[in-house]
mmCIF file of all heavy atoms, coordinates in Angstrom:
data_MODEL
# 
_entry.id   MODEL 
# 
loop_
_atom_site.group_PDB 
_atom_site.id 
_atom_site.type_symbol 
_atom_site.label_atom_id 
_atom_site.label_alt_id 
_atom_site.label_comp_id 
_atom_site.label_asym_id 
_atom_site.label_entity_id 
_atom_site.label_seq_id 
_atom_site.pdbx_PDB_ins_code 
_atom_site.Cartn_x 
_atom_site.Cartn_y 
_atom_site.Cartn_z 
_atom_site.occupancy 
_atom_site.B_iso_or_equiv 
_atom_site.pdbx_formal_charge 
_atom_site.auth_seq_id 
_atom_site.auth_comp_id 
_atom_site.auth_asym_id 
_atom_site.auth_atom_id 
_atom_site.pdbx_PDB_model_num 
ATOM 1   N N   . PHE A 1 1  ? -27.140 -3.155  0.732   1.00 0.00 ? 1  PHE A N   1 
ATOM 2   C CA  . PHE A 1 1  ? -27.915 -3.053  -0.442  1.00 0.00 ? 1  PHE A CA  1 
ATOM 3   C C   . PHE A 1 1  ? -28.136 -4.419  -1.126  1.00 0.00 ? 1  PHE A C   1 
ATOM 4   O O   . PHE A 1 1  ? -27.288 -5.288  -1.020  1.00 0.00 ? 1  PHE A O   1 
ATOM 5   C CB  . PHE A 1 1  ? -27.354 -2.048  -1.433  1.00 0.00 ? 1  PHE A CB  1 
ATOM 6   C CG  . PHE A 1 1  ? -25.965 -2.423  -1.893  1.00 0.00 ? 1  PHE A CG  1 
ATOM 7   C CD1 . PHE A 1 1  ? -25.774 -3.133  -3.090  1.00 0.00 ? 1  PHE A CD1 1 
ATOM 8   C CD2 . PHE A 1 1  ? -24.838 -2.040  -1.148  1.00 0.00 ? 1  PHE A CD2 1 
ATOM 9   C CE1 . PHE A 1 1  ? -24.520 -3.460  -3.550  1.00 0.00 ? 1  PHE A CE1 1 
ATOM 10  C CE2 . PHE A 1 1  ? -23.577 -2.426  -1.584  1.00 0.00 ? 1  PHE A CE2 1 
ATOM 11  C CZ  . PHE A 1 1  ? -23.410 -3.073  -2.784  1.00 0.00 ? 1  PHE A CZ  1 
ATOM 12  N N   . SER A 1 2  ? -29.235 -4.541  -1.818  1.00 0.00 ? 2  SER A N   1 
ATOM 13  C CA  . SER A 1 2  ? -29.524 -5.740  -2.622  1.00 0.00 ? 2  SER A CA  1 
ATOM 14  C C   . SER A 1 2  ? -29.369 -5.391  -4.123  1.00 0.00 ? 2  SER A C   1 
ATOM 15  O O   . SER A 1 2  ? -29.121 -4.252  -4.459  1.00 0.00 ? 2  SER A O   1 
ATOM 16  C CB  . SER A 1 2  ? -30.912 -6.244  -2.349  1.00 0.00 ? 2  SER A CB  1 
ATOM 17  O OG  . SER A 1 2  ? -31.909 -5.377  -2.895  1.00 0.00 ? 2  SER A OG  1 
ATOM 18  N N   . VAL A 1 3  ? -29.470 -6.391  -4.969  1.00 0.00 ? 3  VAL A N   1 
ATOM 19  C CA  . VAL A 1 3  ? -29.342 -6.174  -6.365  1.00 0.00 ? 3  VAL A CA  1 
ATOM 20  C C   . VAL A 1 3  ? -30.535 -5.372  -6.915  1.00 0.00 ? 3  VAL A C   1 
ATOM 21  O O   . VAL A 1 3  ? -30.468 -4.817  -8.002  1.00 0.00 ? 3  VAL A O   1 
ATOM 22  C CB  . VAL A 1 3  ? -29.206 -7.541  -7.096  1.00 0.00 ? 3  VAL A CB  1 
ATOM 23  C CG1 . VAL A 1 3  ? -30.593 -8.248  -7.151  1.00 0.00 ? 3  VAL A CG1 1 
ATOM 24  C CG2 . VAL A 1 3  ? -28.617 -7.366  -8.456  1.00 0.00 ? 3  VAL A CG2 1 
ATOM 25  N N   . LYS A 1 4  ? -31.606 -5.275  -6.170  1.00 0.00 ? 4  LYS A N   1 
ATOM 26  C CA  . LYS A 1 4  ? -32.798 -4.510  -6.567  1.00 0.00 ? 4  LYS A CA  1 
ATOM 27  C C   . LYS A 1 4  ? -32.618 -2.980  -6.421  1.00 0.00 ? 4  LYS A C   1 
ATOM 28  O O   . LYS A 1 4  ? -33.256 -2.257  -7.142  1.00 0.00 ? 4  LYS A O   1 
ATOM 29  C CB  . LYS A 1 4  ? -34.007 -4.931  -5.737  1.00 0.00 ? 4  LYS A CB  1 
ATOM 30  C CG  . LYS A 1 4  ? -34.696 -6.183  -6.129  1.00 0.00 ? 4  LYS A CG  1 
ATOM 31  C CD  . LYS A 1 4  ? -35.937 -6.414  -5.319  1.00 0.00 ? 4  LYS A CD  1 
ATOM 32  C CE  . LYS A 1 4  ? -36.749 -7.578  -5.756  1.00 0.00 ? 4  LYS A CE  1 
ATOM 33  N NZ  . LYS A 1 4  ? -38.016 -7.649  -4.961  1.00 0.00 ? 4  LYS A NZ  1 
ATOM 34  N N   . VAL A 1 5  ? -31.707 -2.549  -5.516  1.00 0.00 ? 5  VAL A N   1 
ATOM 35  C CA  . VAL A 1 5  ? -31.606 -1.137  -5.203  1.00 0.00 ? 5  VAL A CA  1 
ATOM 36  C C   . VAL A 1 5  ? -31.195 -0.359  -6.448  1.00 0.00 ? 5  VAL A C   1 
ATOM 37  O O   . VAL A 1 5  ? -30.289 -0.700  -7.155  1.00 0.00 ? 5  VAL A O   1 
ATOM 38  C CB  . VAL A 1 5  ? -30.593 -0.950  -4.046  1.00 0.00 ? 5  VAL A CB  1 
ATOM 39  C CG1 . VAL A 1 5  ? -30.249 0.545   -3.861  1.00 0.00 ? 5  VAL A CG1 1 
ATOM 40  C CG2 . VAL A 1 5  ? -31.047 -1.576  -2.807  1.00 0.00 ? 5  VAL A CG2 1 
ATOM 41  N N   . GLY A 1 6  ? -31.957 0.733   -6.648  1.00 0.00 ? 6  GLY A N   1 
ATOM 42  C CA  . GLY A 1 6  ? -31.665 1.619   -7.806  1.00 0.00 ? 6  GLY A CA  1 
ATOM 43  C C   . GLY A 1 6  ? -32.184 1.110   -9.166  1.00 0.00 ? 6  GLY A C   1 
ATOM 44  O O   . GLY A 1 6  ? -31.832 1.655   -10.165 1.00 0.00 ? 6  GLY A O   1 
ATOM 45  N N   . THR A 1 7  ? -33.051 0.038   -9.094  1.00 0.00 ? 7  THR A N   1 
ATOM 46  C CA  . THR A 1 7  ? -33.630 -0.478  -10.341 1.00 0.00 ? 7  THR A CA  1 
ATOM 47  C C   . THR A 1 7  ? -35.158 -0.332  -10.285 1.00 0.00 ? 7  THR A C   1 
ATOM 48  O O   . THR A 1 7  ? -35.753 0.089   -9.274  1.00 0.00 ? 7  THR A O   1 
ATOM 49  C CB  . THR A 1 7  ? -33.279 -1.973  -10.483 1.00 0.00 ? 7  THR A CB  1 
ATOM 50  O OG1 . THR A 1 7  ? -33.999 -2.757  -9.519  1.00 0.00 ? 7  THR A OG1 1 
ATOM 51  C CG2 . THR A 1 7  ? -31.755 -2.211  -10.305 1.00 0.00 ? 7  THR A CG2 1 
ATOM 52  N N   . ILE A 1 8  ? -35.795 -0.724  -11.402 1.00 0.00 ? 8  ILE A N   1 
ATOM 53  C CA  . ILE A 1 8  ? -37.280 -0.705  -11.440 1.00 0.00 ? 8  ILE A CA  1 
ATOM 54  C C   . ILE A 1 8  ? -37.895 -1.706  -10.503 1.00 0.00 ? 8  ILE A C   1 
ATOM 55  O O   . ILE A 1 8  ? -39.085 -1.621  -10.227 1.00 0.00 ? 8  ILE A O   1 
ATOM 56  C CB  . ILE A 1 8  ? -37.749 -1.000  -12.845 1.00 0.00 ? 8  ILE A CB  1 
ATOM 57  C CG1 . ILE A 1 8  ? -37.323 -2.350  -13.355 1.00 0.00 ? 8  ILE A CG1 1 
ATOM 58  C CG2 . ILE A 1 8  ? -37.266 0.093   -13.794 1.00 0.00 ? 8  ILE A CG2 1 
ATOM 59  C CD1 . ILE A 1 8  ? -37.955 -2.789  -14.653 1.00 0.00 ? 8  ILE A CD1 1 
ATOM 60  N N   . PHE A 1 9  ? -37.114 -2.632  -9.913  1.00 0.00 ? 9  PHE A N   1 
ATOM 61  C CA  . PHE A 1 9  ? -37.645 -3.640  -8.950  1.00 0.00 ? 9  PHE A CA  1 
ATOM 62  C C   . PHE A 1 9  ? -37.590 -3.170  -7.498  1.00 0.00 ? 9  PHE A C   1 
ATOM 63  O O   . PHE A 1 9  ? -38.060 -3.886  -6.647  1.00 0.00 ? 9  PHE A O   1 
ATOM 64  C CB  . PHE A 1 9  ? -36.860 -4.899  -9.121  1.00 0.00 ? 9  PHE A CB  1 
ATOM 65  C CG  . PHE A 1 9  ? -36.513 -5.403  -10.501 1.00 0.00 ? 9  PHE A CG  1 
ATOM 66  C CD1 . PHE A 1 9  ? -35.192 -5.658  -10.859 1.00 0.00 ? 9  PHE A CD1 1 
ATOM 67  C CD2 . PHE A 1 9  ? -37.509 -5.512  -11.467 1.00 0.00 ? 9  PHE A CD2 1 
ATOM 68  C CE1 . PHE A 1 9  ? -34.885 -6.050  -12.187 1.00 0.00 ? 9  PHE A CE1 1 
ATOM 69  C CE2 . PHE A 1 9  ? -37.233 -5.896  -12.754 1.00 0.00 ? 9  PHE A CE2 1 
ATOM 70  C CZ  . PHE A 1 9  ? -35.924 -6.171  -13.116 1.00 0.00 ? 9  PHE A CZ  1 
ATOM 71  N N   . GLU A 1 10 ? -36.929 -2.020  -7.283  1.00 0.00 ? 10 GLU A N   1 
ATOM 72  C CA  . GLU A 1 10 ? -36.560 -1.664  -5.869  1.00 0.00 ? 10 GLU A CA  1 
ATOM 73  C C   . GLU A 1 10 ? -37.728 -1.622  -4.929  1.00 0.00 ? 10 GLU A C   1 
ATOM 74  O O   . GLU A 1 10 ? -37.643 -2.200  -3.821  1.00 0.00 ? 10 GLU A O   1 
ATOM 75  C CB  . GLU A 1 10 ? -35.849 -0.275  -5.927  1.00 0.00 ? 10 GLU A CB  1 
ATOM 76  C CG  . GLU A 1 10 ? -35.389 0.128   -4.512  1.00 0.00 ? 10 GLU A CG  1 
ATOM 77  C CD  . GLU A 1 10 ? -34.590 1.395   -4.529  1.00 0.00 ? 10 GLU A CD  1 
ATOM 78  O OE1 . GLU A 1 10 ? -34.404 1.992   -5.626  1.00 0.00 ? 10 GLU A OE1 1 
ATOM 79  O OE2 . GLU A 1 10 ? -34.172 1.832   -3.455  1.00 0.00 ? 10 GLU A OE2 1 
ATOM 80  N N   . ASP A 1 11 ? -38.807 -0.935  -5.264  1.00 0.00 ? 11 ASP A N   1 
ATOM 81  C CA  . ASP A 1 11 ? -39.838 -0.760  -4.312  1.00 0.00 ? 11 ASP A CA  1 
ATOM 82  C C   . ASP A 1 11 ? -41.002 -1.779  -4.472  1.00 0.00 ? 11 ASP A C   1 
ATOM 83  O O   . ASP A 1 11 ? -42.186 -1.521  -4.226  1.00 0.00 ? 11 ASP A O   1 
ATOM 84  C CB  . ASP A 1 11 ? -40.443 0.657   -4.370  1.00 0.00 ? 11 ASP A CB  1 
ATOM 85  C CG  . ASP A 1 11 ? -40.788 1.040   -5.772  1.00 0.00 ? 11 ASP A CG  1 
ATOM 86  O OD1 . ASP A 1 11 ? -40.544 0.239   -6.728  1.00 0.00 ? 11 ASP A OD1 1 
ATOM 87  O OD2 . ASP A 1 11 ? -41.360 2.150   -6.011  1.00 0.00 ? 11 ASP A OD2 1 
ATOM 88  N N   . SER A 1 12 ? -40.640 -2.957  -4.902  1.00 0.00 ? 12 SER A N   1 
ATOM 89  C CA  . SER A 1 12 ? -41.606 -4.078  -5.102  1.00 0.00 ? 12 SER A CA  1 
ATOM 90  C C   . SER A 1 12 ? -41.283 -5.228  -4.184  1.00 0.00 ? 12 SER A C   1 
ATOM 91  O O   . SER A 1 12 ? -40.139 -5.628  -4.074  1.00 0.00 ? 12 SER A O   1 
ATOM 92  C CB  . SER A 1 12 ? -41.600 -4.507  -6.575  1.00 0.00 ? 12 SER A CB  1 
ATOM 93  O OG  . SER A 1 12 ? -42.340 -5.735  -6.762  1.00 0.00 ? 12 SER A OG  1 
ATOM 94  N N   . ALA A 1 13 ? -42.365 -5.829  -3.589  1.00 0.00 ? 13 ALA A N   1 
ATOM 95  C CA  . ALA A 1 13 ? -42.133 -6.973  -2.717  1.00 0.00 ? 13 ALA A CA  1 
ATOM 96  C C   . ALA A 1 13 ? -42.113 -8.268  -3.524  1.00 0.00 ? 13 ALA A C   1 
ATOM 97  O O   . ALA A 1 13 ? -41.792 -9.337  -3.015  1.00 0.00 ? 13 ALA A O   1 
ATOM 98  C CB  . ALA A 1 13 ? -43.248 -7.060  -1.671  1.00 0.00 ? 13 ALA A CB  1 
ATOM 99  N N   . LEU A 1 14 ? -42.416 -8.201  -4.846  1.00 0.00 ? 14 LEU A N   1 
ATOM 100 C CA  . LEU A 1 14 ? -42.373 -9.402  -5.644  1.00 0.00 ? 14 LEU A CA  1 
ATOM 101 C C   . LEU A 1 14 ? -40.924 -9.880  -5.826  1.00 0.00 ? 14 LEU A C   1 
ATOM 102 O O   . LEU A 1 14 ? -40.006 -9.102  -5.983  1.00 0.00 ? 14 LEU A O   1 
ATOM 103 C CB  . LEU A 1 14 ? -42.984 -9.121  -7.058  1.00 0.00 ? 14 LEU A CB  1 
ATOM 104 C CG  . LEU A 1 14 ? -44.441 -8.843  -7.064  1.00 0.00 ? 14 LEU A CG  1 
ATOM 105 C CD1 . LEU A 1 14 ? -44.854 -8.247  -8.431  1.00 0.00 ? 14 LEU A CD1 1 
ATOM 106 C CD2 . LEU A 1 14 ? -45.262 -10.070 -6.752  1.00 0.00 ? 14 LEU A CD2 1 
ATOM 107 N N   . PRO A 1 15 ? -40.750 -11.198 -5.733  1.00 0.00 ? 15 PRO A N   1 
ATOM 108 C CA  . PRO A 1 15 ? -39.373 -11.717 -5.910  1.00 0.00 ? 15 PRO A CA  1 
ATOM 109 C C   . PRO A 1 15 ? -38.835 -11.583 -7.342  1.00 0.00 ? 15 PRO A C   1 
ATOM 110 O O   . PRO A 1 15 ? -39.595 -11.481 -8.269  1.00 0.00 ? 15 PRO A O   1 
ATOM 111 C CB  . PRO A 1 15 ? -39.509 -13.216 -5.541  1.00 0.00 ? 15 PRO A CB  1 
ATOM 112 C CG  . PRO A 1 15 ? -40.965 -13.566 -5.854  1.00 0.00 ? 15 PRO A CG  1 
ATOM 113 C CD  . PRO A 1 15 ? -41.715 -12.280 -5.551  1.00 0.00 ? 15 PRO A CD  1 
ATOM 114 N N   . LEU A 1 16 ? -37.491 -11.554 -7.473  1.00 0.00 ? 16 LEU A N   1 
ATOM 115 C CA  . LEU A 1 16 ? -36.893 -11.403 -8.755  1.00 0.00 ? 16 LEU A CA  1 
ATOM 116 C C   . LEU A 1 16 ? -37.298 -12.460 -9.728  1.00 0.00 ? 16 LEU A C   1 
ATOM 117 O O   . LEU A 1 16 ? -37.418 -12.202 -10.945 1.00 0.00 ? 16 LEU A O   1 
ATOM 118 C CB  . LEU A 1 16 ? -35.337 -11.440 -8.611  1.00 0.00 ? 16 LEU A CB  1 
ATOM 119 C CG  . LEU A 1 16 ? -34.652 -10.056 -8.365  1.00 0.00 ? 16 LEU A CG  1 
ATOM 120 C CD1 . LEU A 1 16 ? -33.199 -10.256 -8.208  1.00 0.00 ? 16 LEU A CD1 1 
ATOM 121 C CD2 . LEU A 1 16 ? -34.920 -9.118  -9.533  1.00 0.00 ? 16 LEU A CD2 1 
ATOM 122 N N   . GLY A 1 17 ? -37.530 -13.693 -9.214  1.00 0.00 ? 17 GLY A N   1 
ATOM 123 C CA  . GLY A 1 17 ? -37.941 -14.744 -10.109 1.00 0.00 ? 17 GLY A CA  1 
ATOM 124 C C   . GLY A 1 17 ? -39.130 -14.437 -10.926 1.00 0.00 ? 17 GLY A C   1 
ATOM 125 O O   . GLY A 1 17 ? -39.236 -14.745 -12.158 1.00 0.00 ? 17 GLY A O   1 
ATOM 126 N N   . LYS A 1 18 ? -40.159 -13.806 -10.290 1.00 0.00 ? 18 LYS A N   1 
ATOM 127 C CA  . LYS A 1 18 ? -41.372 -13.447 -11.070 1.00 0.00 ? 18 LYS A CA  1 
ATOM 128 C C   . LYS A 1 18 ? -41.115 -12.302 -11.965 1.00 0.00 ? 18 LYS A C   1 
ATOM 129 O O   . LYS A 1 18 ? -41.644 -12.271 -13.127 1.00 0.00 ? 18 LYS A O   1 
ATOM 130 C CB  . LYS A 1 18 ? -42.480 -13.074 -10.058 1.00 0.00 ? 18 LYS A CB  1 
ATOM 131 C CG  . LYS A 1 18 ? -42.985 -14.346 -9.279  1.00 0.00 ? 18 LYS A CG  1 
ATOM 132 C CD  . LYS A 1 18 ? -44.239 -13.978 -8.441  1.00 0.00 ? 18 LYS A CD  1 
ATOM 133 C CE  . LYS A 1 18 ? -44.670 -15.161 -7.622  1.00 0.00 ? 18 LYS A CE  1 
ATOM 134 N NZ  . LYS A 1 18 ? -45.157 -16.269 -8.439  1.00 0.00 ? 18 LYS A NZ  1 
ATOM 135 N N   . TRP A 1 19 ? -40.321 -11.329 -11.540 1.00 0.00 ? 19 TRP A N   1 
ATOM 136 C CA  . TRP A 1 19 ? -40.015 -10.194 -12.406 1.00 0.00 ? 19 TRP A CA  1 
ATOM 137 C C   . TRP A 1 19 ? -39.242 -10.685 -13.711 1.00 0.00 ? 19 TRP A C   1 
ATOM 138 O O   . TRP A 1 19 ? -39.592 -10.237 -14.804 1.00 0.00 ? 19 TRP A O   1 
ATOM 139 C CB  . TRP A 1 19 ? -39.050 -9.233  -11.677 1.00 0.00 ? 19 TRP A CB  1 
ATOM 140 C CG  . TRP A 1 19 ? -39.808 -8.208  -10.833 1.00 0.00 ? 19 TRP A CG  1 
ATOM 141 C CD1 . TRP A 1 19 ? -39.936 -8.193  -9.505  1.00 0.00 ? 19 TRP A CD1 1 
ATOM 142 C CD2 . TRP A 1 19 ? -40.486 -7.028  -11.328 1.00 0.00 ? 19 TRP A CD2 1 
ATOM 143 N NE1 . TRP A 1 19 ? -40.679 -7.082  -9.117  1.00 0.00 ? 19 TRP A NE1 1 
ATOM 144 C CE2 . TRP A 1 19 ? -40.999 -6.355  -10.201 1.00 0.00 ? 19 TRP A CE2 1 
ATOM 145 C CE3 . TRP A 1 19 ? -40.679 -6.502  -12.574 1.00 0.00 ? 19 TRP A CE3 1 
ATOM 146 C CZ2 . TRP A 1 19 ? -41.753 -5.179  -10.304 1.00 0.00 ? 19 TRP A CZ2 1 
ATOM 147 C CZ3 . TRP A 1 19 ? -41.435 -5.287  -12.687 1.00 0.00 ? 19 TRP A CZ3 1 
ATOM 148 C CH2 . TRP A 1 19 ? -41.925 -4.642  -11.542 1.00 0.00 ? 19 TRP A CH2 1 
ATOM 149 N N   . LEU A 1 20 ? -38.291 -11.531 -13.552 1.00 0.00 ? 20 LEU A N   1 
ATOM 150 C CA  . LEU A 1 20 ? -37.498 -11.900 -14.719 1.00 0.00 ? 20 LEU A CA  1 
ATOM 151 C C   . LEU A 1 20 ? -38.255 -12.850 -15.658 1.00 0.00 ? 20 LEU A C   1 
ATOM 152 O O   . LEU A 1 20 ? -38.110 -12.765 -16.883 1.00 0.00 ? 20 LEU A O   1 
ATOM 153 C CB  . LEU A 1 20 ? -36.212 -12.689 -14.242 1.00 0.00 ? 20 LEU A CB  1 
ATOM 154 C CG  . LEU A 1 20 ? -35.232 -11.740 -13.426 1.00 0.00 ? 20 LEU A CG  1 
ATOM 155 C CD1 . LEU A 1 20 ? -34.047 -12.580 -12.909 1.00 0.00 ? 20 LEU A CD1 1 
ATOM 156 C CD2 . LEU A 1 20 ? -34.794 -10.573 -14.267 1.00 0.00 ? 20 LEU A CD2 1 
ATOM 157 N N   . VAL A 1 21 ? -39.199 -13.705 -15.129 1.00 0.00 ? 21 VAL A N   1 
ATOM 158 C CA  . VAL A 1 21 ? -40.052 -14.456 -16.022 1.00 0.00 ? 21 VAL A CA  1 
ATOM 159 C C   . VAL A 1 21 ? -41.017 -13.469 -16.774 1.00 0.00 ? 21 VAL A C   1 
ATOM 160 O O   . VAL A 1 21 ? -41.238 -13.676 -17.953 1.00 0.00 ? 21 VAL A O   1 
ATOM 161 C CB  . VAL A 1 21 ? -40.849 -15.502 -15.208 1.00 0.00 ? 21 VAL A CB  1 
ATOM 162 C CG1 . VAL A 1 21 ? -41.897 -16.186 -16.138 1.00 0.00 ? 21 VAL A CG1 1 
ATOM 163 C CG2 . VAL A 1 21 ? -39.891 -16.562 -14.665 1.00 0.00 ? 21 VAL A CG2 1 
ATOM 164 N N   . ALA A 1 22 ? -41.494 -12.481 -16.069 1.00 0.00 ? 22 ALA A N   1 
ATOM 165 C CA  . ALA A 1 22 ? -42.430 -11.505 -16.728 1.00 0.00 ? 22 ALA A CA  1 
ATOM 166 C C   . ALA A 1 22 ? -41.645 -10.791 -17.848 1.00 0.00 ? 22 ALA A C   1 
ATOM 167 O O   . ALA A 1 22 ? -42.218 -10.606 -18.936 1.00 0.00 ? 22 ALA A O   1 
ATOM 168 C CB  . ALA A 1 22 ? -42.945 -10.533 -15.755 1.00 0.00 ? 22 ALA A CB  1 
ATOM 169 N N   . MET A 1 23 ? -40.381 -10.403 -17.602 1.00 0.00 ? 23 MET A N   1 
ATOM 170 C CA  . MET A 1 23 ? -39.565 -9.774  -18.618 1.00 0.00 ? 23 MET A CA  1 
ATOM 171 C C   . MET A 1 23 ? -39.345 -10.713 -19.789 1.00 0.00 ? 23 MET A C   1 
ATOM 172 O O   . MET A 1 23 ? -39.366 -10.260 -20.959 1.00 0.00 ? 23 MET A O   1 
ATOM 173 C CB  . MET A 1 23 ? -38.282 -9.337  -18.034 1.00 0.00 ? 23 MET A CB  1 
ATOM 174 C CG  . MET A 1 23 ? -38.409 -8.207  -17.022 1.00 0.00 ? 23 MET A CG  1 
ATOM 175 S SD  . MET A 1 23 ? -36.842 -7.637  -16.302 1.00 0.00 ? 23 MET A SD  1 
ATOM 176 C CE  . MET A 1 23 ? -36.109 -6.803  -17.681 1.00 0.00 ? 23 MET A CE  1 
ATOM 177 N N   . TRP A 1 24 ? -39.134 -11.980 -19.566 1.00 0.00 ? 24 TRP A N   1 
ATOM 178 C CA  . TRP A 1 24 ? -38.939 -12.953 -20.643 1.00 0.00 ? 24 TRP A CA  1 
ATOM 179 C C   . TRP A 1 24 ? -40.205 -13.040 -21.452 1.00 0.00 ? 24 TRP A C   1 
ATOM 180 O O   . TRP A 1 24 ? -40.141 -13.023 -22.708 1.00 0.00 ? 24 TRP A O   1 
ATOM 181 C CB  . TRP A 1 24 ? -38.622 -14.345 -20.007 1.00 0.00 ? 24 TRP A CB  1 
ATOM 182 C CG  . TRP A 1 24 ? -38.190 -15.358 -21.061 1.00 0.00 ? 24 TRP A CG  1 
ATOM 183 C CD1 . TRP A 1 24 ? -36.915 -15.667 -21.427 1.00 0.00 ? 24 TRP A CD1 1 
ATOM 184 C CD2 . TRP A 1 24 ? -39.043 -16.147 -21.904 1.00 0.00 ? 24 TRP A CD2 1 
ATOM 185 N NE1 . TRP A 1 24 ? -36.914 -16.595 -22.430 1.00 0.00 ? 24 TRP A NE1 1 
ATOM 186 C CE2 . TRP A 1 24 ? -38.270 -16.929 -22.685 1.00 0.00 ? 24 TRP A CE2 1 
ATOM 187 C CE3 . TRP A 1 24 ? -40.439 -16.293 -22.016 1.00 0.00 ? 24 TRP A CE3 1 
ATOM 188 C CZ2 . TRP A 1 24 ? -38.768 -17.803 -23.676 1.00 0.00 ? 24 TRP A CZ2 1 
ATOM 189 C CZ3 . TRP A 1 24 ? -40.967 -17.213 -22.928 1.00 0.00 ? 24 TRP A CZ3 1 
ATOM 190 C CH2 . TRP A 1 24 ? -40.113 -17.951 -23.726 1.00 0.00 ? 24 TRP A CH2 1 
ATOM 191 N N   . LEU A 1 25 ? -41.372 -13.013 -20.819 1.00 0.00 ? 25 LEU A N   1 
ATOM 192 C CA  . LEU A 1 25 ? -42.677 -13.122 -21.548 1.00 0.00 ? 25 LEU A CA  1 
ATOM 193 C C   . LEU A 1 25 ? -42.868 -11.910 -22.424 1.00 0.00 ? 25 LEU A C   1 
ATOM 194 O O   . LEU A 1 25 ? -43.183 -11.995 -23.596 1.00 0.00 ? 25 LEU A O   1 
ATOM 195 C CB  . LEU A 1 25 ? -43.811 -13.302 -20.622 1.00 0.00 ? 25 LEU A CB  1 
ATOM 196 C CG  . LEU A 1 25 ? -44.019 -14.620 -19.926 1.00 0.00 ? 25 LEU A CG  1 
ATOM 197 C CD1 . LEU A 1 25 ? -44.976 -14.538 -18.769 1.00 0.00 ? 25 LEU A CD1 1 
ATOM 198 C CD2 . LEU A 1 25 ? -44.489 -15.608 -20.955 1.00 0.00 ? 25 LEU A CD2 1 
# 
């Protein structure tokens, strides 16, 4: 398993870097 499993990021091909910057914005 990865850190994405069981989270809102799980079924997305976008890297965590983009997700976390989007959350910061």
